[in-house]
Amino acid sequence: MRDPRHVAVAGVSGYTGLELARILLRHPAVEKPVFYLRDTSGAKCLGELFPQFRSWGEAPVRPLSVEAIVKSDAGTAFLATPHEASAEIAPALVAAGLRVVDLSGAFRFRSGDTFSSWYKLPAPPAALLEQAVYGLPELYADALPQAKLVANPGCYATSVILALRPLAEAGWIAAGRGVICDCKSGATGAGKEPRHDLHFAEVDENFRAYGLFTHRHTPEILEHTGLANSQVIFSTHLLPLARGILSTNYVWLEKPRQAAEVEALYRQFYAGRPMVRIWPVGELPELQHVAHTNFCDVGFALDAPGERLIVVSCLDNLGKGASGQAVQNFNHMLGLEETTGLQ
């Protein structure tokens, strides 16, 4: 019987993998974490590759292979790997009895056609797509304890879904008016692969839009808010900073509301969900409030007639937008308090 507290991490060399290592090595319930990389450069422990982990205790590094993870005593595997790698690795790990938390986009959709259309890659096995649980604990916590495969949400998608789902579920969004989701992210959201457009000189003192009408997080937003593609304009921008996402969501309401009603709706929806912090009327969250945390902060402004609502959500794209949320899902899978190791 595999112990889910024994953890394997595949793909630790990227930004999300490093953040995941930082959290797991300090997590009180994690035992025997082992880190797998395609190129270990001869290193035997994480501190040899990344000096920030020196003196953090034992953190063994192994060459990445499915066979090595399956033969280990790991009960849980985190995949901080590219989409196509996760699609290849996850089925074998699940079949071997491991529980898998995948940080890629490979298993975020029930439909393989949706994945292939947006990611331009072959679809993962249909059986696993049906089995995977979308790992947004504020919405699907009840499904996580029994999950064998958890698909960690996208960072932008998390910020937008948490901002809009209470309104959509309550039926407060005006039909036919549309929603604008205007989002900005730090450069770590683009990954660690060397690219000309991510060089320091290209990002510093600059601000630009990208991925308009083509961003891969779009279908997640549609699926988990219940909004139609024709209702949503989703725009993404690159900020000249390392980490953080701020999403400004513009909504027309189906009838006039009072600010107190809006605040009450959000507080009731996220009651008992400690990783979402609702700001009082008249106050708006900022990136500095969520950096290096696993919180998503939500605030809003309502116009005087009560018909136009702007919802601002902030999170750390490496925390609640990726690795922190993966550990939050792991905590639910093990029956732990969801904040364990995250505060």
C-alpha atoms as a PDB file:
ATOM      1  CA  MET A   1       0.000   0.000   0.000  1.00  0.00           C
ATOM      2  CA  ARG A   2       1.515   3.310  -1.064  1.00  0.00           C
ATOM      3  CA  ASP A   3       1.685   6.106   1.500  1.00  0.00           C
ATOM      4  CA  PRO A   4       0.375   9.359  -0.035  1.00  0.00           C
ATOM      5  CA  ARG A   5       2.607  11.333   2.339  1.00  0.00           C
ATOM      6  CA  HIS A   6       5.627   9.989   0.454  1.00  0.00           C
ATOM      7  CA  VAL A   7       5.926  12.430  -2.414  1.00  0.00           C
ATOM      8  CA  ALA A   8       7.586  12.461  -5.833  1.00  0.00           C
ATOM      9  CA  VAL A   9       7.946  15.762  -7.710  1.00  0.00           C
ATOM     10  CA  ALA A  10       8.606  15.613 -11.446  1.00  0.00           C
ATOM     11  CA  GLY A  11       9.940  18.707 -13.194  1.00  0.00           C
ATOM     12  CA  VAL A  12      11.365  20.698 -10.305  1.00  0.00           C
ATOM     13  CA  SER A  13      13.611  22.932 -12.413  1.00  0.00           C
ATOM     14  CA  GLY A  14      10.890  25.357 -13.577  1.00  0.00           C
ATOM     15  CA  TYR A  15       9.469  28.248 -11.582  1.00  0.00           C
ATOM     16  CA  THR A  16       6.413  26.304 -10.429  1.00  0.00           C
ATOM     17  CA  GLY A  17       8.539  23.251  -9.617  1.00  0.00           C
ATOM     18  CA  LEU A  18      10.913  25.308  -7.485  1.00  0.00           C
ATOM     19  CA  GLU A  19       8.011  26.952  -5.665  1.00  0.00           C
ATOM     20  CA  LEU A  20       6.496  23.521  -5.111  1.00  0.00           C
ATOM     21  CA  ALA A  21       9.777  22.240  -3.650  1.00  0.00           C
ATOM     22  CA  ARG A  22       9.953  25.226  -1.306  1.00  0.00           C
ATOM     23  CA  ILE A  23       6.466  24.490   0.046  1.00  0.00           C
ATOM     24  CA  LEU A  24       6.772  20.703   0.256  1.00  0.00           C
ATOM     25  CA  LEU A  25      10.137  20.716   2.032  1.00  0.00           C
ATOM     26  CA  ARG A  26       8.522  22.710   4.851  1.00  0.00           C
ATOM     27  CA  HIS A  27       5.184  20.852   4.809  1.00  0.00           C
ATOM     28  CA  PRO A  28       4.620  19.059   8.132  1.00  0.00           C
ATOM     29  CA  ALA A  29       2.824  16.066   6.606  1.00  0.00           C
ATOM     30  CA  VAL A  30       5.173  15.361   3.680  1.00  0.00           C
ATOM     31  CA  GLU A  31       7.646  12.522   4.149  1.00  0.00           C
ATOM     32  CA  LYS A  32      10.528  11.427   1.942  1.00  0.00           C
ATOM     33  CA  PRO A  33      10.105  13.927  -0.891  1.00  0.00           C
ATOM     34  CA  VAL A  34      12.146  12.966  -3.950  1.00  0.00           C
ATOM     35  CA  PHE A  35      12.681  15.319  -6.889  1.00  0.00           C
ATOM     36  CA  TYR A  36      12.967  14.072 -10.463  1.00  0.00           C
ATOM     37  CA  LEU A  37      14.589  16.018 -13.310  1.00  0.00           C
ATOM     38  CA  ARG A  38      15.385  15.151 -16.906  1.00  0.00           C
ATOM     39  CA  ASP A  39      18.905  16.517 -16.379  1.00  0.00           C
ATOM     40  CA  THR A  40      20.304  16.248 -12.855  1.00  0.00           C
ATOM     41  CA  SER A  41      23.783  17.417 -13.969  1.00  0.00           C
ATOM     42  CA  GLY A  42      25.186  14.780 -11.624  1.00  0.00           C
ATOM     43  CA  ALA A  43      23.539  16.322  -8.553  1.00  0.00           C
ATOM     44  CA  LYS A  44      22.380  14.042  -5.747  1.00  0.00           C
ATOM     45  CA  CYS A  45      20.338  16.589  -3.813  1.00  0.00           C
ATOM     46  CA  LEU A  46      18.370  19.718  -4.620  1.00  0.00           C
ATOM     47  CA  GLY A  47      20.795  22.031  -2.845  1.00  0.00           C
ATOM     48  CA  GLU A  48      23.550  21.117  -5.292  1.00  0.00           C
ATOM     49  CA  LEU A  49      21.464  22.461  -8.176  1.00  0.00           C
ATOM     50  CA  PHE A  50      19.703  25.328  -6.412  1.00  0.00           C
ATOM     51  CA  PRO A  51      21.715  26.973  -3.619  1.00  0.00           C
ATOM     52  CA  GLN A  52      18.580  28.388  -1.978  1.00  0.00           C
ATOM     53  CA  PHE A  53      17.814  24.838  -0.762  1.00  0.00           C
ATOM     54  CA  ARG A  54      21.128  24.251   1.000  1.00  0.00           C
ATOM     55  CA  SER A  55      20.662  23.235   4.646  1.00  0.00           C
ATOM     56  CA  TRP A  56      16.948  22.521   4.072  1.00  0.00           C
ATOM     57  CA  GLY A  57      17.441  18.865   4.936  1.00  0.00           C
ATOM     58  CA  GLU A  58      17.404  15.823   2.685  1.00  0.00           C
ATOM     59  CA  ALA A  59      16.011  16.544  -0.776  1.00  0.00           C
ATOM     60  CA  PRO A  60      17.189  13.751  -3.088  1.00  0.00           C
ATOM     61  CA  VAL A  61      17.372  14.327  -6.836  1.00  0.00           C
ATOM     62  CA  ARG A  62      16.890  11.520  -9.337  1.00  0.00           C
ATOM     63  CA  PRO A  63      16.801  11.273 -13.148  1.00  0.00           C
ATOM     64  CA  LEU A  64      13.213  11.562 -14.333  1.00  0.00           C
ATOM     65  CA  SER A  65      11.552   8.404 -15.585  1.00  0.00           C
ATOM     66  CA  VAL A  66       8.132   6.866 -15.060  1.00  0.00           C
ATOM     67  CA  GLU A  67       9.763   3.593 -14.101  1.00  0.00           C
ATOM     68  CA  ALA A  68      11.815   5.236 -11.345  1.00  0.00           C
ATOM     69  CA  ILE A  69       8.766   6.905  -9.794  1.00  0.00           C
ATOM     70  CA  VAL A  70       6.663   3.737 -10.045  1.00  0.00           C
ATOM     71  CA  LYS A  71       9.412   1.669  -8.382  1.00  0.00           C
ATOM     72  CA  SER A  72       9.775   4.190  -5.555  1.00  0.00           C
ATOM     73  CA  ASP A  73       7.607   4.138  -2.448  1.00  0.00           C
ATOM     74  CA  ALA A  74       5.893   7.399  -3.401  1.00  0.00           C
ATOM     75  CA  GLY A  75       2.129   7.517  -2.983  1.00  0.00           C
ATOM     76  CA  THR A  76       1.621  10.984  -4.460  1.00  0.00           C
ATOM     77  CA  ALA A  77       3.233  12.510  -7.524  1.00  0.00           C
ATOM     78  CA  PHE A  78       3.233  16.189  -8.428  1.00  0.00           C
ATOM     79  CA  LEU A  79       3.829  16.835 -12.124  1.00  0.00           C
ATOM     80  CA  ALA A  80       5.360  20.254 -12.814  1.00  0.00           C
ATOM     81  CA  THR A  81       6.021  19.149 -16.369  1.00  0.00           C
ATOM     82  CA  PRO A  82       5.015  20.400 -19.848  1.00  0.00           C
ATOM     83  CA  HIS A  83       1.516  19.510 -21.044  1.00  0.00           C
ATOM     84  CA  GLU A  84       2.648  16.764 -23.407  1.00  0.00           C
ATOM     85  CA  ALA A  85       4.922  15.224 -20.750  1.00  0.00           C
ATOM     86  CA  SER A  86       2.116  15.138 -18.176  1.00  0.00           C
ATOM     87  CA  ALA A  87      -0.205  13.516 -20.722  1.00  0.00           C
ATOM     88  CA  GLU A  88       2.380  10.767 -21.151  1.00  0.00           C
ATOM     89  CA  ILE A  89       3.448  10.329 -17.521  1.00  0.00           C
ATOM     90  CA  ALA A  90       0.174  10.614 -15.584  1.00  0.00           C
ATOM     91  CA  PRO A  91      -1.615   7.526 -16.994  1.00  0.00           C
ATOM     92  CA  ALA A  92       1.225   5.208 -15.977  1.00  0.00           C
ATOM     93  CA  LEU A  93       1.459   6.683 -12.488  1.00  0.00           C
ATOM     94  CA  VAL A  94      -2.284   6.450 -11.870  1.00  0.00           C
ATOM     95  CA  ALA A  95      -2.267   2.862 -13.157  1.00  0.00           C
ATOM     96  CA  ALA A  96       0.541   2.061 -10.691  1.00  0.00           C
ATOM     97  CA  GLY A  97      -1.582   3.286  -7.782  1.00  0.00           C
ATOM     98  CA  LEU A  98      -0.123   6.758  -7.228  1.00  0.00           C
ATOM     99  CA  ARG A  99      -2.317   9.781  -6.709  1.00  0.00           C
ATOM    100  CA  VAL A 100      -1.341  12.536  -9.126  1.00  0.00           C
ATOM    101  CA  VAL A 101      -1.572  16.319  -8.959  1.00  0.00           C
ATOM    102  CA  ASP A 102      -0.800  17.682 -12.417  1.00  0.00           C
ATOM    103  CA  LEU A 103       0.143  21.353 -12.750  1.00  0.00           C
ATOM    104  CA  SER A 104      -0.031  21.362 -16.555  1.00  0.00           C
ATOM    105  CA  GLY A 105      -3.113  21.883 -18.694  1.00  0.00           C
ATOM    106  CA  ALA A 106      -3.280  18.278 -19.898  1.00  0.00           C
ATOM    107  CA  PHE A 107      -6.263  17.126 -17.840  1.00  0.00           C
ATOM    108  CA  ARG A 108      -8.232  20.319 -17.225  1.00  0.00           C
ATOM    109  CA  PHE A 109     -11.031  19.527 -19.696  1.00  0.00           C
ATOM    110  CA  ARG A 110     -13.539  16.730 -19.991  1.00  0.00           C
ATOM    111  CA  SER A 111     -13.305  16.942 -23.772  1.00  0.00           C
ATOM    112  CA  GLY A 112     -10.132  15.904 -25.523  1.00  0.00           C
ATOM    113  CA  ASP A 113     -11.198  18.048 -28.456  1.00  0.00           C
ATOM    114  CA  THR A 114     -11.150  21.129 -26.223  1.00  0.00           C
ATOM    115  CA  PHE A 115      -7.586  20.372 -25.150  1.00  0.00           C
ATOM    116  CA  SER A 116      -6.383  19.669 -28.686  1.00  0.00           C
ATOM    117  CA  SER A 117      -8.090  22.759 -30.098  1.00  0.00           C
ATOM    118  CA  TRP A 118      -6.557  25.177 -27.597  1.00  0.00           C
ATOM    119  CA  TYR A 119      -3.208  23.508 -26.886  1.00  0.00           C
ATOM    120  CA  LYS A 120      -2.505  22.156 -30.390  1.00  0.00           C
ATOM    121  CA  LEU A 121      -1.423  18.803 -28.926  1.00  0.00           C
ATOM    122  CA  PRO A 122      -2.826  15.255 -29.049  1.00  0.00           C
ATOM    123  CA  ALA A 123      -5.524  14.680 -26.450  1.00  0.00           C
ATOM    124  CA  PRO A 124      -4.712  12.654 -23.324  1.00  0.00           C
ATOM    125  CA  PRO A 125      -6.618   9.384 -22.748  1.00  0.00           C
ATOM    126  CA  ALA A 126     -10.374  10.013 -22.599  1.00  0.00           C
ATOM    127  CA  ALA A 127     -10.793   7.802 -19.534  1.00  0.00           C
ATOM    128  CA  LEU A 128      -8.415   9.967 -17.519  1.00  0.00           C
ATOM    129  CA  LEU A 129     -10.022  13.179 -18.709  1.00  0.00           C
ATOM    130  CA  GLU A 130     -13.339  11.871 -17.378  1.00  0.00           C
ATOM    131  CA  GLN A 131     -11.711  10.829 -14.114  1.00  0.00           C
ATOM    132  CA  ALA A 132      -9.712  13.980 -13.417  1.00  0.00           C
ATOM    133  CA  VAL A 133     -10.962  16.447 -10.813  1.00  0.00           C
ATOM    134  CA  TYR A 134     -10.522  20.148 -11.573  1.00  0.00           C
ATOM    135  CA  GLY A 135      -8.466  21.298  -8.613  1.00  0.00           C
ATOM    136  CA  LEU A 136     -10.164  24.504  -7.536  1.00  0.00           C
ATOM    137  CA  PRO A 137     -10.921  23.686  -3.875  1.00  0.00           C
ATOM    138  CA  GLU A 138     -13.296  26.594  -3.386  1.00  0.00           C
ATOM    139  CA  LEU A 139     -15.632  24.927  -5.894  1.00  0.00           C
ATOM    140  CA  TYR A 140     -14.820  21.222  -5.900  1.00  0.00           C
ATOM    141  CA  ALA A 141     -13.417  20.358  -2.465  1.00  0.00           C
ATOM    142  CA  ASP A 142     -15.912  17.509  -2.013  1.00  0.00           C
ATOM    143  CA  ALA A 143     -14.441  15.607  -4.973  1.00  0.00           C
ATOM    144  CA  LEU A 144     -10.791  15.928  -3.915  1.00  0.00           C
ATOM    145  CA  PRO A 145     -10.515  13.347  -1.081  1.00  0.00           C
ATOM    146  CA  GLN A 146     -11.294  10.480  -3.493  1.00  0.00           C
ATOM    147  CA  ALA A 147      -9.467  11.898  -6.505  1.00  0.00           C
ATOM    148  CA  LYS A 148      -6.779   9.824  -8.173  1.00  0.00           C
ATOM    149  CA  LEU A 149      -5.874  12.595 -10.627  1.00  0.00           C
ATOM    150  CA  VAL A 150      -6.218  16.307  -9.921  1.00  0.00           C
ATOM    151  CA  ALA A 151      -5.850  18.850 -12.717  1.00  0.00           C
ATOM    152  CA  ASN A 152      -4.478  22.021 -11.162  1.00  0.00           C
ATOM    153  CA  PRO A 153      -6.172  25.097 -12.696  1.00  0.00           C
ATOM    154  CA  GLY A 154      -4.423  27.746 -14.732  1.00  0.00           C
ATOM    155  CA  CYS A 155      -3.281  30.885 -12.931  1.00  0.00           C
ATOM    156  CA  TYR A 156      -5.342  33.386 -14.932  1.00  0.00           C
ATOM    157  CA  ALA A 157      -8.309  31.029 -14.847  1.00  0.00           C
ATOM    158  CA  THR A 158      -8.170  30.815 -11.057  1.00  0.00           C
ATOM    159  CA  SER A 159      -8.226  34.583 -10.673  1.00  0.00           C
ATOM    160  CA  VAL A 160     -11.158  35.056 -13.062  1.00  0.00           C
ATOM    161  CA  ILE A 161     -13.260  32.079 -11.968  1.00  0.00           C
ATOM    162  CA  LEU A 162     -13.045  33.030  -8.300  1.00  0.00           C
ATOM    163  CA  ALA A 163     -14.057  36.584  -9.199  1.00  0.00           C
ATOM    164  CA  LEU A 164     -17.026  35.665 -11.418  1.00  0.00           C
ATOM    165  CA  ARG A 165     -18.429  32.345 -10.180  1.00  0.00           C
ATOM    166  CA  PRO A 166     -20.511  33.822  -7.317  1.00  0.00           C
ATOM    167  CA  LEU A 167     -22.173  36.266  -9.726  1.00  0.00           C
ATOM    168  CA  ALA A 168     -22.724  33.668 -12.435  1.00  0.00           C
ATOM    169  CA  GLU A 169     -24.155  31.080 -10.050  1.00  0.00           C
ATOM    170  CA  ALA A 170     -26.520  33.645  -8.530  1.00  0.00           C
ATOM    171  CA  GLY A 171     -27.703  34.731 -11.975  1.00  0.00           C
ATOM    172  CA  TRP A 172     -26.647  38.325 -11.404  1.00  0.00           C
ATOM    173  CA  ILE A 173     -24.817  38.817 -14.712  1.00  0.00           C
ATOM    174  CA  ALA A 174     -26.893  40.617 -17.318  1.00  0.00           C
ATOM    175  CA  ALA A 175     -27.668  38.474 -20.357  1.00  0.00           C
ATOM    176  CA  GLY A 176     -26.492  39.939 -23.630  1.00  0.00           C
ATOM    177  CA  ARG A 177     -24.172  42.556 -22.111  1.00  0.00           C
ATOM    178  CA  GLY A 178     -20.967  40.522 -21.863  1.00  0.00           C
ATOM    179  CA  VAL A 179     -18.137  40.396 -19.325  1.00  0.00           C
ATOM    180  CA  ILE A 180     -14.645  41.836 -19.774  1.00  0.00           C
ATOM    181  CA  CYS A 181     -11.805  40.099 -17.929  1.00  0.00           C
ATOM    182  CA  ASP A 182      -8.741  42.355 -18.141  1.00  0.00           C
ATOM    183  CA  CYS A 183      -5.784  40.486 -16.607  1.00  0.00           C
ATOM    184  CA  LYS A 184      -2.119  41.211 -15.918  1.00  0.00           C
ATOM    185  CA  SER A 185       0.612  38.759 -14.896  1.00  0.00           C
ATOM    186  CA  GLY A 186       4.233  38.754 -13.835  1.00  0.00           C
ATOM    187  CA  ALA A 187       6.857  37.214 -16.102  1.00  0.00           C
ATOM    188  CA  THR A 188       7.179  33.892 -14.221  1.00  0.00           C
ATOM    189  CA  GLY A 189       3.739  33.028 -15.589  1.00  0.00           C
ATOM    190  CA  ALA A 190       5.331  32.553 -18.993  1.00  0.00           C
ATOM    191  CA  GLY A 191       7.669  29.809 -17.755  1.00  0.00           C
ATOM    192  CA  LYS A 192      11.433  29.433 -17.600  1.00  0.00           C
ATOM    193  CA  GLU A 193      12.279  28.498 -21.187  1.00  0.00           C
ATOM    194  CA  PRO A 194      14.577  31.133 -22.755  1.00  0.00           C
ATOM    195  CA  ARG A 195      12.596  33.412 -25.086  1.00  0.00           C
ATOM    196  CA  HIS A 196      13.543  36.689 -26.708  1.00  0.00           C
ATOM    197  CA  ASP A 197      10.341  38.429 -25.597  1.00  0.00           C
ATOM    198  CA  LEU A 198      11.057  37.535 -21.951  1.00  0.00           C
ATOM    199  CA  HIS A 199      14.595  38.910 -21.818  1.00  0.00           C
ATOM    200  CA  PHE A 200      15.076  41.502 -19.088  1.00  0.00           C
ATOM    201  CA  ALA A 201      15.508  44.310 -21.599  1.00  0.00           C
ATOM    202  CA  GLU A 202      12.204  43.386 -23.267  1.00  0.00           C
ATOM    203  CA  VAL A 203      10.177  43.161 -20.042  1.00  0.00           C
ATOM    204  CA  ASP A 204      11.681  45.882 -17.867  1.00  0.00           C
ATOM    205  CA  GLU A 205       9.947  49.276 -18.138  1.00  0.00           C
ATOM    206  CA  ASN A 206       7.491  47.733 -20.598  1.00  0.00           C
ATOM    207  CA  PHE A 207       3.868  46.579 -20.556  1.00  0.00           C
ATOM    208  CA  ARG A 208       2.170  44.671 -23.336  1.00  0.00           C
ATOM    209  CA  ALA A 209      -0.878  42.621 -24.249  1.00  0.00           C
ATOM    210  CA  TYR A 210      -0.573  39.103 -25.670  1.00  0.00           C
ATOM    211  CA  GLY A 211      -2.669  36.045 -26.475  1.00  0.00           C
ATOM    212  CA  LEU A 212      -5.778  38.048 -27.307  1.00  0.00           C
ATOM    213  CA  PHE A 213      -8.675  35.684 -28.134  1.00  0.00           C
ATOM    214  CA  THR A 214      -6.200  32.761 -28.147  1.00  0.00           C
ATOM    215  CA  HIS A 215      -5.106  32.334 -24.526  1.00  0.00           C
ATOM    216  CA  ARG A 216      -5.289  28.722 -23.368  1.00  0.00           C
ATOM    217  CA  HIS A 217      -6.987  29.564 -20.077  1.00  0.00           C
ATOM    218  CA  THR A 218     -10.084  30.770 -21.922  1.00  0.00           C
ATOM    219  CA  PRO A 219     -11.951  27.415 -21.995  1.00  0.00           C
ATOM    220  CA  GLU A 220     -11.361  26.926 -18.261  1.00  0.00           C
ATOM    221  CA  ILE A 221     -12.984  30.268 -17.557  1.00  0.00           C
ATOM    222  CA  LEU A 222     -15.971  29.437 -19.732  1.00  0.00           C
ATOM    223  CA  GLU A 223     -16.423  25.940 -18.323  1.00  0.00           C
ATOM    224  CA  HIS A 224     -16.264  26.923 -14.661  1.00  0.00           C
ATOM    225  CA  THR A 225     -18.220  30.167 -14.789  1.00  0.00           C
ATOM    226  CA  GLY A 226     -20.913  28.780 -17.089  1.00  0.00           C
ATOM    227  CA  LEU A 227     -20.563  31.780 -19.394  1.00  0.00           C
ATOM    228  CA  ALA A 228     -20.670  31.438 -23.162  1.00  0.00           C
ATOM    229  CA  ASN A 229     -17.694  32.301 -25.329  1.00  0.00           C
ATOM    230  CA  SER A 230     -19.722  35.106 -26.902  1.00  0.00           C
ATOM    231  CA  GLN A 231     -20.231  36.660 -23.449  1.00  0.00           C
ATOM    232  CA  VAL A 232     -16.576  36.921 -22.436  1.00  0.00           C
ATOM    233  CA  ILE A 233     -13.695  39.095 -23.569  1.00  0.00           C
ATOM    234  CA  PHE A 234     -10.545  37.812 -21.856  1.00  0.00           C
ATOM    235  CA  SER A 235      -7.362  39.841 -22.307  1.00  0.00           C
ATOM    236  CA  THR A 236      -3.921  39.094 -20.888  1.00  0.00           C
ATOM    237  CA  HIS A 237      -0.942  41.388 -20.327  1.00  0.00           C
ATOM    238  CA  LEU A 238       2.668  40.998 -19.197  1.00  0.00           C
ATOM    239  CA  LEU A 239       3.759  43.130 -16.258  1.00  0.00           C
ATOM    240  CA  PRO A 240       7.409  44.101 -15.667  1.00  0.00           C
ATOM    241  CA  LEU A 241       7.607  42.142 -12.407  1.00  0.00           C
ATOM    242  CA  ALA A 242       8.381  38.580 -11.403  1.00  0.00           C
ATOM    243  CA  ARG A 243       5.172  37.249  -9.892  1.00  0.00           C
ATOM    244  CA  GLY A 244       1.527  38.084  -9.324  1.00  0.00           C
ATOM    245  CA  ILE A 245      -1.762  38.350 -11.239  1.00  0.00           C
ATOM    246  CA  LEU A 246      -4.296  41.148 -11.049  1.00  0.00           C
ATOM    247  CA  SER A 247      -7.584  40.641 -12.869  1.00  0.00           C
ATOM    248  CA  THR A 248     -10.043  43.490 -13.344  1.00  0.00           C
ATOM    249  CA  ASN A 249     -13.425  42.061 -14.312  1.00  0.00           C
ATOM    250  CA  TYR A 250     -16.121  44.356 -15.728  1.00  0.00           C
ATOM    251  CA  VAL A 251     -19.692  43.130 -15.276  1.00  0.00           C
ATOM    252  CA  TRP A 252     -23.149  44.511 -16.079  1.00  0.00           C
ATOM    253  CA  LEU A 253     -25.730  43.328 -13.543  1.00  0.00           C
ATOM    254  CA  GLU A 254     -29.161  42.003 -14.470  1.00  0.00           C
ATOM    255  CA  LYS A 255     -30.793  44.515 -12.105  1.00  0.00           C
ATOM    256  CA  PRO A 256     -29.537  47.261  -9.776  1.00  0.00           C
ATOM    257  CA  ARG A 257     -27.850  46.065  -6.586  1.00  0.00           C
ATOM    258  CA  GLN A 258     -26.561  47.663  -3.410  1.00  0.00           C
ATOM    259  CA  ALA A 259     -22.877  47.387  -2.470  1.00  0.00           C
ATOM    260  CA  ALA A 260     -23.829  45.601   0.737  1.00  0.00           C
ATOM    261  CA  GLU A 261     -25.673  42.958  -1.317  1.00  0.00           C
ATOM    262  CA  VAL A 262     -22.595  42.340  -3.451  1.00  0.00           C
ATOM    263  CA  GLU A 263     -20.311  42.001  -0.447  1.00  0.00           C
ATOM    264  CA  ALA A 264     -22.782  39.666   1.257  1.00  0.00           C
ATOM    265  CA  LEU A 265     -22.980  37.474  -1.849  1.00  0.00           C
ATOM    266  CA  TYR A 266     -19.210  37.000  -1.952  1.00  0.00           C
ATOM    267  CA  ARG A 267     -18.848  36.472   1.790  1.00  0.00           C
ATOM    268  CA  GLN A 268     -21.584  33.858   1.808  1.00  0.00           C
ATOM    269  CA  PHE A 269     -20.212  32.072  -1.272  1.00  0.00           C
ATOM    270  CA  TYR A 270     -16.681  31.833   0.166  1.00  0.00           C
ATOM    271  CA  ALA A 271     -17.642  31.270   3.797  1.00  0.00           C
ATOM    272  CA  GLY A 272     -15.326  28.631   5.228  1.00  0.00           C
ATOM    273  CA  ARG A 273     -12.887  29.000   2.340  1.00  0.00           C
ATOM    274  CA  PRO A 274      -9.803  30.464   4.056  1.00  0.00           C
ATOM    275  CA  MET A 275      -7.730  30.989   0.919  1.00  0.00           C
ATOM    276  CA  VAL A 276     -10.134  33.572  -0.526  1.00  0.00           C
ATOM    277  CA  ARG A 277     -10.198  36.926   1.277  1.00  0.00           C
ATOM    278  CA  ILE A 278     -13.087  39.272   0.511  1.00  0.00           C
ATOM    279  CA  TRP A 279     -12.292  42.955   0.913  1.00  0.00           C
ATOM    280  CA  PRO A 280     -14.778  45.383   2.439  1.00  0.00           C
ATOM    281  CA  VAL A 281     -16.784  47.818   0.335  1.00  0.00           C
ATOM    282  CA  GLY A 282     -14.565  50.668  -0.856  1.00  0.00           C
ATOM    283  CA  GLU A 283     -11.262  48.759  -0.603  1.00  0.00           C
ATOM    284  CA  LEU A 284      -9.421  47.048  -3.436  1.00  0.00           C
ATOM    285  CA  PRO A 285      -6.660  44.420  -3.239  1.00  0.00           C
ATOM    286  CA  GLU A 286      -3.174  44.889  -4.656  1.00  0.00           C
ATOM    287  CA  LEU A 287      -0.443  42.499  -5.778  1.00  0.00           C
ATOM    288  CA  GLN A 288       1.743  43.321  -2.791  1.00  0.00           C
ATOM    289  CA  HIS A 289      -0.985  41.942  -0.519  1.00  0.00           C
ATOM    290  CA  VAL A 290      -0.815  38.437  -2.032  1.00  0.00           C
ATOM    291  CA  ALA A 291       2.817  38.021  -3.165  1.00  0.00           C
ATOM    292  CA  HIS A 292       4.415  34.865  -1.727  1.00  0.00           C
ATOM    293  CA  THR A 293       1.065  33.678  -0.305  1.00  0.00           C
ATOM    294  CA  ASN A 294      -1.679  31.252  -1.325  1.00  0.00           C
ATOM    295  CA  PHE A 295      -4.468  33.812  -0.994  1.00  0.00           C
ATOM    296  CA  CYS A 296      -6.762  35.126  -3.677  1.00  0.00           C
ATOM    297  CA  ASP A 297      -7.997  38.569  -2.609  1.00  0.00           C
ATOM    298  CA  VAL A 298     -11.261  39.863  -4.078  1.00  0.00           C
ATOM    299  CA  GLY A 299     -12.611  43.401  -3.935  1.00  0.00           C
ATOM    300  CA  PHE A 300     -15.118  45.366  -5.966  1.00  0.00           C
ATOM    301  CA  ALA A 301     -16.521  48.754  -6.938  1.00  0.00           C
ATOM    302  CA  LEU A 302     -20.166  49.380  -7.851  1.00  0.00           C
ATOM    303  CA  ASP A 303     -21.399  52.403  -9.769  1.00  0.00           C
ATOM    304  CA  ALA A 304     -23.987  54.755  -8.228  1.00  0.00           C
ATOM    305  CA  PRO A 305     -27.004  53.275 -10.066  1.00  0.00           C
ATOM    306  CA  GLY A 306     -25.889  49.786  -8.981  1.00  0.00           C
ATOM    307  CA  GLU A 307     -25.828  48.405 -12.520  1.00  0.00           C
ATOM    308  CA  ARG A 308     -22.108  48.213 -13.354  1.00  0.00           C
ATOM    309  CA  LEU A 309     -19.770  46.184 -11.176  1.00  0.00           C
ATOM    310  CA  ILE A 310     -15.971  45.954 -11.315  1.00  0.00           C
ATOM    311  CA  VAL A 311     -14.495  42.970  -9.477  1.00  0.00           C
ATOM    312  CA  VAL A 312     -10.737  42.982  -8.805  1.00  0.00           C
ATOM    313  CA  SER A 313      -8.999  39.734  -7.904  1.00  0.00           C
ATOM    314  CA  CYS A 314      -5.321  39.317  -7.022  1.00  0.00           C
ATOM    315  CA  LEU A 315      -3.163  36.259  -6.468  1.00  0.00           C
ATOM    316  CA  ASP A 316       0.415  35.050  -6.719  1.00  0.00           C
ATOM    317  CA  ASN A 317       0.667  33.117  -9.982  1.00  0.00           C
ATOM    318  CA  LEU A 318       3.200  30.730  -8.404  1.00  0.00           C
ATOM    319  CA  GLY A 319       1.143  30.389  -5.209  1.00  0.00           C
ATOM    320  CA  LYS A 320      -2.637  30.228  -5.521  1.00  0.00           C
ATOM    321  CA  GLY A 321      -2.136  30.236  -9.301  1.00  0.00           C
ATOM    322  CA  ALA A 322       0.047  27.111  -9.344  1.00  0.00           C
ATOM    323  CA  SER A 323       2.148  25.407  -6.662  1.00  0.00           C
ATOM    324  CA  GLY A 324       0.336  26.666  -3.571  1.00  0.00           C
ATOM    325  CA  GLN A 325      -2.980  25.562  -5.016  1.00  0.00           C
ATOM    326  CA  ALA A 326      -1.472  22.170  -5.875  1.00  0.00           C
ATOM    327  CA  VAL A 327      -0.542  21.717  -2.214  1.00  0.00           C
ATOM    328  CA  GLN A 328      -3.975  22.965  -1.151  1.00  0.00           C
ATOM    329  CA  ASN A 329      -5.419  20.161  -3.320  1.00  0.00           C
ATOM    330  CA  PHE A 330      -2.956  17.685  -1.819  1.00  0.00           C
ATOM    331  CA  ASN A 331      -4.134  18.656   1.665  1.00  0.00           C
ATOM    332  CA  HIS A 332      -7.728  17.893   0.718  1.00  0.00           C
ATOM    333  CA  MET A 333      -6.688  14.572  -0.808  1.00  0.00           C
ATOM    334  CA  LEU A 334      -5.064  13.573   2.478  1.00  0.00           C
ATOM    335  CA  GLY A 335      -7.875  14.869   4.684  1.00  0.00           C
ATOM    336  CA  LEU A 336      -5.719  17.639   6.162  1.00  0.00           C
ATOM    337  CA  GLU A 337      -6.669  21.224   6.894  1.00  0.00           C
ATOM    338  CA  GLU A 338      -6.430  22.908   3.502  1.00  0.00           C
ATOM    339  CA  THR A 339      -4.103  25.600   4.834  1.00  0.00           C
ATOM    340  CA  THR A 340      -1.492  23.098   6.061  1.00  0.00           C
ATOM    341  CA  GLY A 341       1.972  24.204   4.984  1.00  0.00           C
ATOM    342  CA  LEU A 342       0.591  27.294   3.279  1.00  0.00           C
ATOM    343  CA  GLN A 343       0.530  29.878   6.082  1.00  0.00           C
END
